[in-house]
Amino acid sequence: MALGSMVTRNQFEITDDGISHKPTGYSFTRGAGENMGQLGKVLSLSAYYRPDEVKEWTRRLWLEHTRKKTLA
């Protein structure tokens, strides 16, 4: 298995309804839960994003987003 491509903040799209990792299509939507998209699959140009890293980034960024909304 490939080592994995680097997951970065700018790969995510965050809205008030949810968050998605653009390269893989993995998303979490409030109320609907997870959509795995292409997570765990080798993408074009042999890009591979480790599922555990994408999920951890998703969790952290969503928590950060919801905290900001609560404090606003």
PDB file of N, CA and C in Angstrom:
ATOM      1  N   MET A   1       0.852  -1.181   0.000  1.00  0.00           N
ATOM      2  CA  MET A   1       0.000   0.000   0.000  1.00  0.00           C
ATOM      3  C   MET A   1       0.887   1.229   0.000  1.00  0.00           C
ATOM      4  N   ALA A   2       0.470   2.226  -0.684  1.00  0.00           N
ATOM      5  CA  ALA A   2       1.204   3.484  -0.763  1.00  0.00           C
ATOM      6  C   ALA A   2       1.298   4.141   0.606  1.00  0.00           C
ATOM      7  N   LEU A   3       2.344   4.943   0.795  1.00  0.00           N
ATOM      8  CA  LEU A   3       2.523   5.644   2.059  1.00  0.00           C
ATOM      9  C   LEU A   3       1.410   6.633   2.333  1.00  0.00           C
ATOM     10  N   GLY A   4       0.915   7.261   1.314  1.00  0.00           N
ATOM     11  CA  GLY A   4      -0.169   8.218   1.494  1.00  0.00           C
ATOM     12  C   GLY A   4       0.219   9.620   1.101  1.00  0.00           C
ATOM     13  N   SER A   5      -0.696  10.296   0.466  1.00  0.00           N
ATOM     14  CA  SER A   5      -0.510  11.691   0.101  1.00  0.00           C
ATOM     15  C   SER A   5      -0.803  12.552   1.323  1.00  0.00           C
ATOM     16  N   MET A   6      -0.185  13.717   1.380  1.00  0.00           N
ATOM     17  CA  MET A   6      -0.374  14.600   2.524  1.00  0.00           C
ATOM     18  C   MET A   6      -1.774  15.211   2.510  1.00  0.00           C
ATOM     19  N   VAL A   7      -2.434  15.136   3.640  1.00  0.00           N
ATOM     20  CA  VAL A   7      -3.745  15.765   3.817  1.00  0.00           C
ATOM     21  C   VAL A   7      -3.502  17.178   4.325  1.00  0.00           C
ATOM     22  N   THR A   8      -4.155  18.166   3.692  1.00  0.00           N
ATOM     23  CA  THR A   8      -3.978  19.558   4.107  1.00  0.00           C
ATOM     24  C   THR A   8      -5.341  20.240   4.266  1.00  0.00           C
ATOM     25  N   ARG A   9      -5.347  21.290   5.033  1.00  0.00           N
ATOM     26  CA  ARG A   9      -6.563  22.047   5.327  1.00  0.00           C
ATOM     27  C   ARG A   9      -7.266  22.545   4.061  1.00  0.00           C
ATOM     28  N   ASN A  10      -6.500  22.979   3.082  1.00  0.00           N
ATOM     29  CA  ASN A  10      -7.111  23.566   1.884  1.00  0.00           C
ATOM     30  C   ASN A  10      -7.804  22.526   0.997  1.00  0.00           C
ATOM     31  N   GLN A  11      -7.712  21.264   1.326  1.00  0.00           N
ATOM     32  CA  GLN A  11      -8.396  20.206   0.577  1.00  0.00           C
ATOM     33  C   GLN A  11      -9.844  20.024   1.025  1.00  0.00           C
ATOM     34  N   PHE A  12     -10.253  20.744   2.044  1.00  0.00           N
ATOM     35  CA  PHE A  12     -11.587  20.573   2.614  1.00  0.00           C
ATOM     36  C   PHE A  12     -12.503  21.733   2.259  1.00  0.00           C
ATOM     37  N   GLU A  13     -13.754  21.397   2.057  1.00  0.00           N
ATOM     38  CA  GLU A  13     -14.801  22.398   1.870  1.00  0.00           C
ATOM     39  C   GLU A  13     -15.727  22.272   3.078  1.00  0.00           C
ATOM     40  N   ILE A  14     -15.916  23.387   3.783  1.00  0.00           N
ATOM     41  CA  ILE A  14     -16.723  23.380   5.004  1.00  0.00           C
ATOM     42  C   ILE A  14     -17.898  24.327   4.848  1.00  0.00           C
ATOM     43  N   THR A  15     -19.086  23.818   5.134  1.00  0.00           N
ATOM     44  CA  THR A  15     -20.291  24.637   5.160  1.00  0.00           C
ATOM     45  C   THR A  15     -20.964  24.420   6.506  1.00  0.00           C
ATOM     46  N   ASP A  16     -22.052  25.126   6.756  1.00  0.00           N
ATOM     47  CA  ASP A  16     -22.771  24.923   8.011  1.00  0.00           C
ATOM     48  C   ASP A  16     -23.442  23.553   8.080  1.00  0.00           C
ATOM     49  N   ASP A  17     -23.614  22.907   6.933  1.00  0.00           N
ATOM     50  CA  ASP A  17     -24.259  21.589   6.900  1.00  0.00           C
ATOM     51  C   ASP A  17     -23.294  20.432   6.975  1.00  0.00           C
ATOM     52  N   GLY A  18     -22.019  20.663   6.656  1.00  0.00           N
ATOM     53  CA  GLY A  18     -21.079  19.553   6.679  1.00  0.00           C
ATOM     54  C   GLY A  18     -19.713  19.920   6.140  1.00  0.00           C
ATOM     55  N   ILE A  19     -18.897  18.886   5.966  1.00  0.00           N
ATOM     56  CA  ILE A  19     -17.521  19.063   5.526  1.00  0.00           C
ATOM     57  C   ILE A  19     -17.186  17.950   4.540  1.00  0.00           C
ATOM     58  N   SER A  20     -16.400  18.292   3.520  1.00  0.00           N
ATOM     59  CA  SER A  20     -15.989  17.262   2.567  1.00  0.00           C
ATOM     60  C   SER A  20     -14.518  17.431   2.197  1.00  0.00           C
ATOM     61  N   HIS A  21     -13.881  16.283   1.965  1.00  0.00           N
ATOM     62  CA  HIS A  21     -12.499  16.248   1.507  1.00  0.00           C
ATOM     63  C   HIS A  21     -12.541  16.151  -0.005  1.00  0.00           C
ATOM     64  N   LYS A  22     -12.200  17.240  -0.677  1.00  0.00           N
ATOM     65  CA  LYS A  22     -12.372  17.358  -2.130  1.00  0.00           C
ATOM     66  C   LYS A  22     -11.660  16.275  -2.938  1.00  0.00           C
ATOM     67  N   PRO A  23     -10.408  15.907  -2.623  1.00  0.00           N
ATOM     68  CA  PRO A  23      -9.756  14.895  -3.458  1.00  0.00           C
ATOM     69  C   PRO A  23     -10.426  13.512  -3.431  1.00  0.00           C
ATOM     70  N   THR A  24     -10.977  13.121  -2.292  1.00  0.00           N
ATOM     71  CA  THR A  24     -11.550  11.772  -2.174  1.00  0.00           C
ATOM     72  C   THR A  24     -13.068  11.742  -2.244  1.00  0.00           C
ATOM     73  N   GLY A  25     -13.709  12.876  -1.975  1.00  0.00           N
ATOM     74  CA  GLY A  25     -15.167  12.889  -1.926  1.00  0.00           C
ATOM     75  C   GLY A  25     -15.711  12.441  -0.580  1.00  0.00           C
ATOM     76  N   TYR A  26     -14.820  12.112   0.366  1.00  0.00           N
ATOM     77  CA  TYR A  26     -15.282  11.736   1.710  1.00  0.00           C
ATOM     78  C   TYR A  26     -15.982  12.940   2.328  1.00  0.00           C
ATOM     79  N   SER A  27     -17.119  12.700   2.951  1.00  0.00           N
ATOM     80  CA  SER A  27     -17.822  13.818   3.567  1.00  0.00           C
ATOM     81  C   SER A  27     -18.554  13.386   4.831  1.00  0.00           C
ATOM     82  N   PHE A  28     -18.789  14.378   5.651  1.00  0.00           N
ATOM     83  CA  PHE A  28     -19.635  14.218   6.831  1.00  0.00           C
ATOM     84  C   PHE A  28     -20.682  15.317   6.746  1.00  0.00           C
ATOM     85  N   THR A  29     -21.935  14.917   6.784  1.00  0.00           N
ATOM     86  CA  THR A  29     -23.026  15.877   6.730  1.00  0.00           C
ATOM     87  C   THR A  29     -23.864  15.712   7.984  1.00  0.00           C
ATOM     88  N   ARG A  30     -24.132  16.839   8.616  1.00  0.00           N
ATOM     89  CA  ARG A  30     -24.947  16.812   9.820  1.00  0.00           C
ATOM     90  C   ARG A  30     -26.286  16.165   9.488  1.00  0.00           C
ATOM     91  N   GLY A  31     -26.659  15.163  10.248  1.00  0.00           N
ATOM     92  CA  GLY A  31     -27.920  14.463  10.036  1.00  0.00           C
ATOM     93  C   GLY A  31     -27.787  13.228   9.171  1.00  0.00           C
ATOM     94  N   ALA A  32     -26.935  13.279   8.143  1.00  0.00           N
ATOM     95  CA  ALA A  32     -26.779  12.136   7.235  1.00  0.00           C
ATOM     96  C   ALA A  32     -25.564  11.277   7.585  1.00  0.00           C
ATOM     97  N   GLY A  33     -24.599  11.832   8.308  1.00  0.00           N
ATOM     98  CA  GLY A  33     -23.412  11.072   8.688  1.00  0.00           C
ATOM     99  C   GLY A  33     -22.352  11.047   7.604  1.00  0.00           C
ATOM    100  N   GLU A  34     -21.638   9.927   7.517  1.00  0.00           N
ATOM    101  CA  GLU A  34     -20.501   9.802   6.612  1.00  0.00           C
ATOM    102  C   GLU A  34     -20.903   9.325   5.224  1.00  0.00           C
ATOM    103  N   ASN A  35     -20.171   9.828   4.233  1.00  0.00           N
ATOM    104  CA  ASN A  35     -20.218   9.329   2.866  1.00  0.00           C
ATOM    105  C   ASN A  35     -18.762   9.030   2.528  1.00  0.00           C
ATOM    106  N   MET A  36     -18.427   7.784   2.314  1.00  0.00           N
ATOM    107  CA  MET A  36     -17.035   7.378   2.148  1.00  0.00           C
ATOM    108  C   MET A  36     -16.405   7.859   0.841  1.00  0.00           C
ATOM    109  N   GLY A  37     -17.203   8.169  -0.184  1.00  0.00           N
ATOM    110  CA  GLY A  37     -16.631   8.623  -1.447  1.00  0.00           C
ATOM    111  C   GLY A  37     -15.598   7.638  -1.952  1.00  0.00           C
ATOM    112  N   GLN A  38     -14.419   8.119  -2.305  1.00  0.00           N
ATOM    113  CA  GLN A  38     -13.321   7.280  -2.798  1.00  0.00           C
ATOM    114  C   GLN A  38     -12.261   7.059  -1.721  1.00  0.00           C
ATOM    115  N   LEU A  39     -12.610   7.311  -0.464  1.00  0.00           N
ATOM    116  CA  LEU A  39     -11.655   7.181   0.631  1.00  0.00           C
ATOM    117  C   LEU A  39     -11.126   5.755   0.703  1.00  0.00           C
ATOM    118  N   GLY A  40      -9.804   5.628   0.777  1.00  0.00           N
ATOM    119  CA  GLY A  40      -9.161   4.332   0.867  1.00  0.00           C
ATOM    120  C   GLY A  40      -8.781   3.740  -0.478  1.00  0.00           C
ATOM    121  N   LYS A  41      -9.138   4.423  -1.563  1.00  0.00           N
ATOM    122  CA  LYS A  41      -8.808   3.940  -2.905  1.00  0.00           C
ATOM    123  C   LYS A  41      -7.664   4.770  -3.477  1.00  0.00           C
ATOM    124  N   VAL A  42      -6.865   4.154  -4.344  1.00  0.00           N
ATOM    125  CA  VAL A  42      -5.814   4.885  -5.033  1.00  0.00           C
ATOM    126  C   VAL A  42      -6.484   5.731  -6.105  1.00  0.00           C
ATOM    127  N   LEU A  43      -6.222   7.024  -6.080  1.00  0.00           N
ATOM    128  CA  LEU A  43      -6.823   7.958  -7.018  1.00  0.00           C
ATOM    129  C   LEU A  43      -5.897   8.190  -8.197  1.00  0.00           C
ATOM    130  N   SER A  44      -6.262   9.075  -9.094  1.00  0.00           N
ATOM    131  CA  SER A  44      -5.429   9.368 -10.255  1.00  0.00           C
ATOM    132  C   SER A  44      -4.018   9.766  -9.827  1.00  0.00           C
ATOM    133  N   LEU A  45      -3.082   9.460 -10.684  1.00  0.00           N
ATOM    134  CA  LEU A  45      -1.663   9.754 -10.438  1.00  0.00           C
ATOM    135  C   LEU A  45      -1.143   9.070  -9.174  1.00  0.00           C
ATOM    136  N   SER A  46      -1.760   7.946  -8.821  1.00  0.00           N
ATOM    137  CA  SER A  46      -1.363   7.143  -7.661  1.00  0.00           C
ATOM    138  C   SER A  46      -1.496   7.883  -6.332  1.00  0.00           C
ATOM    139  N   ALA A  47      -2.354   8.890  -6.290  1.00  0.00           N
ATOM    140  CA  ALA A  47      -2.606   9.591  -5.026  1.00  0.00           C
ATOM    141  C   ALA A  47      -3.412   8.680  -4.116  1.00  0.00           C
ATOM    142  N   TYR A  48      -2.992   8.564  -2.884  1.00  0.00           N
ATOM    143  CA  TYR A  48      -3.684   7.750  -1.897  1.00  0.00           C
ATOM    144  C   TYR A  48      -3.715   8.534  -0.594  1.00  0.00           C
ATOM    145  N   TYR A  49      -4.904   8.749  -0.063  1.00  0.00           N
ATOM    146  CA  TYR A  49      -5.054   9.460   1.214  1.00  0.00           C
ATOM    147  C   TYR A  49      -5.446   8.444   2.268  1.00  0.00           C
ATOM    148  N   ARG A  50      -4.659   8.369   3.322  1.00  0.00           N
ATOM    149  CA  ARG A  50      -4.936   7.401   4.390  1.00  0.00           C
ATOM    150  C   ARG A  50      -6.267   7.747   5.048  1.00  0.00           C
ATOM    151  N   PRO A  51      -7.187   6.782   5.089  1.00  0.00           N
ATOM    152  CA  PRO A  51      -8.510   7.027   5.663  1.00  0.00           C
ATOM    153  C   PRO A  51      -8.469   7.582   7.093  1.00  0.00           C
ATOM    154  N   ASP A  52      -7.564   7.067   7.926  1.00  0.00           N
ATOM    155  CA  ASP A  52      -7.493   7.548   9.303  1.00  0.00           C
ATOM    156  C   ASP A  52      -7.094   9.018   9.363  1.00  0.00           C
ATOM    157  N   GLU A  53      -6.187   9.450   8.475  1.00  0.00           N
ATOM    158  CA  GLU A  53      -5.768  10.851   8.463  1.00  0.00           C
ATOM    159  C   GLU A  53      -6.882  11.769   7.957  1.00  0.00           C
ATOM    160  N   VAL A  54      -7.572  11.347   6.900  1.00  0.00           N
ATOM    161  CA  VAL A  54      -8.672  12.157   6.370  1.00  0.00           C
ATOM    162  C   VAL A  54      -9.769  12.295   7.423  1.00  0.00           C
ATOM    163  N   LYS A  55     -10.114  11.206   8.086  1.00  0.00           N
ATOM    164  CA  LYS A  55     -11.163  11.250   9.110  1.00  0.00           C
ATOM    165  C   LYS A  55     -10.749  12.119  10.291  1.00  0.00           C
ATOM    166  N   GLU A  56      -9.489  12.057  10.695  1.00  0.00           N
ATOM    167  CA  GLU A  56      -9.017  12.880  11.815  1.00  0.00           C
ATOM    168  C   GLU A  56      -9.045  14.369  11.449  1.00  0.00           C
ATOM    169  N   TRP A  57      -8.574  14.712  10.254  1.00  0.00           N
ATOM    170  CA  TRP A  57      -8.647  16.100   9.789  1.00  0.00           C
ATOM    171  C   TRP A  57     -10.099  16.557   9.739  1.00  0.00           C
ATOM    172  N   THR A  58     -10.972  15.705   9.217  1.00  0.00           N
ATOM    173  CA  THR A  58     -12.394  16.047   9.132  1.00  0.00           C
ATOM    174  C   THR A  58     -12.951  16.339  10.511  1.00  0.00           C
ATOM    175  N   ARG A  59     -12.643  15.479  11.464  1.00  0.00           N
ATOM    176  CA  ARG A  59     -13.129  15.651  12.840  1.00  0.00           C
ATOM    177  C   ARG A  59     -12.629  16.963  13.429  1.00  0.00           C
ATOM    178  N   ARG A  60     -11.329  17.229  13.294  1.00  0.00           N
ATOM    179  CA  ARG A  60     -10.755  18.445  13.878  1.00  0.00           C
ATOM    180  C   ARG A  60     -11.295  19.718  13.234  1.00  0.00           C
ATOM    181  N   LEU A  61     -11.367  19.725  11.906  1.00  0.00           N
ATOM    182  CA  LEU A  61     -11.850  20.928  11.215  1.00  0.00           C
ATOM    183  C   LEU A  61     -13.327  21.175  11.487  1.00  0.00           C
ATOM    184  N   TRP A  62     -14.133  20.105  11.566  1.00  0.00           N
ATOM    185  CA  TRP A  62     -15.556  20.261  11.854  1.00  0.00           C
ATOM    186  C   TRP A  62     -15.741  20.797  13.273  1.00  0.00           C
ATOM    187  N   LEU A  63     -14.978  20.272  14.213  1.00  0.00           N
ATOM    188  CA  LEU A  63     -15.045  20.746  15.597  1.00  0.00           C
ATOM    189  C   LEU A  63     -14.657  22.221  15.669  1.00  0.00           C
ATOM    190  N   GLU A  64     -13.594  22.594  14.981  1.00  0.00           N
ATOM    191  CA  GLU A  64     -13.158  23.997  14.931  1.00  0.00           C
ATOM    192  C   GLU A  64     -14.262  24.889  14.340  1.00  0.00           C
ATOM    193  N   HIS A  65     -14.876  24.442  13.271  1.00  0.00           N
ATOM    194  CA  HIS A  65     -15.931  25.201  12.612  1.00  0.00           C
ATOM    195  C   HIS A  65     -17.144  25.383  13.530  1.00  0.00           C
ATOM    196  N   THR A  66     -17.571  24.304  14.173  1.00  0.00           N
ATOM    197  CA  THR A  66     -18.750  24.402  15.048  1.00  0.00           C
ATOM    198  C   THR A  66     -18.467  25.252  16.287  1.00  0.00           C
ATOM    199  N   ARG A  67     -17.255  25.201  16.791  1.00  0.00           N
ATOM    200  CA  ARG A  67     -16.906  26.047  17.942  1.00  0.00           C
ATOM    201  C   ARG A  67     -16.947  27.527  17.560  1.00  0.00           C
ATOM    202  N   LYS A  68     -16.417  27.849  16.380  1.00  0.00           N
ATOM    203  CA  LYS A  68     -16.456  29.232  15.921  1.00  0.00           C
ATOM    204  C   LYS A  68     -17.888  29.718  15.757  1.00  0.00           C
ATOM    205  N   LYS A  69     -18.759  28.873  15.221  1.00  0.00           N
ATOM    206  CA  LYS A  69     -20.162  29.242  15.028  1.00  0.00           C
ATOM    207  C   LYS A  69     -20.848  29.460  16.374  1.00  0.00           C
ATOM    208  N   THR A  70     -20.499  28.648  17.368  1.00  0.00           N
ATOM    209  CA  THR A  70     -21.097  28.768  18.694  1.00  0.00           C
ATOM    210  C   THR A  70     -20.662  30.055  19.371  1.00  0.00           C
ATOM    211  N   LEU A  71     -19.413  30.440  19.172  1.00  0.00           N
ATOM    212  CA  LEU A  71     -18.868  31.639  19.813  1.00  0.00           C
ATOM    213  C   LEU A  71     -19.241  32.928  19.082  1.00  0.00           C
ATOM    214  N   ALA A  72     -19.696  32.811  17.859  1.00  0.00           N
ATOM    215  CA  ALA A  72     -20.019  34.001  17.057  1.00  0.00           C
ATOM    216  C   ALA A  72     -21.305  34.660  17.510  1.00  0.00           C
TER     217      ALA A  72
END
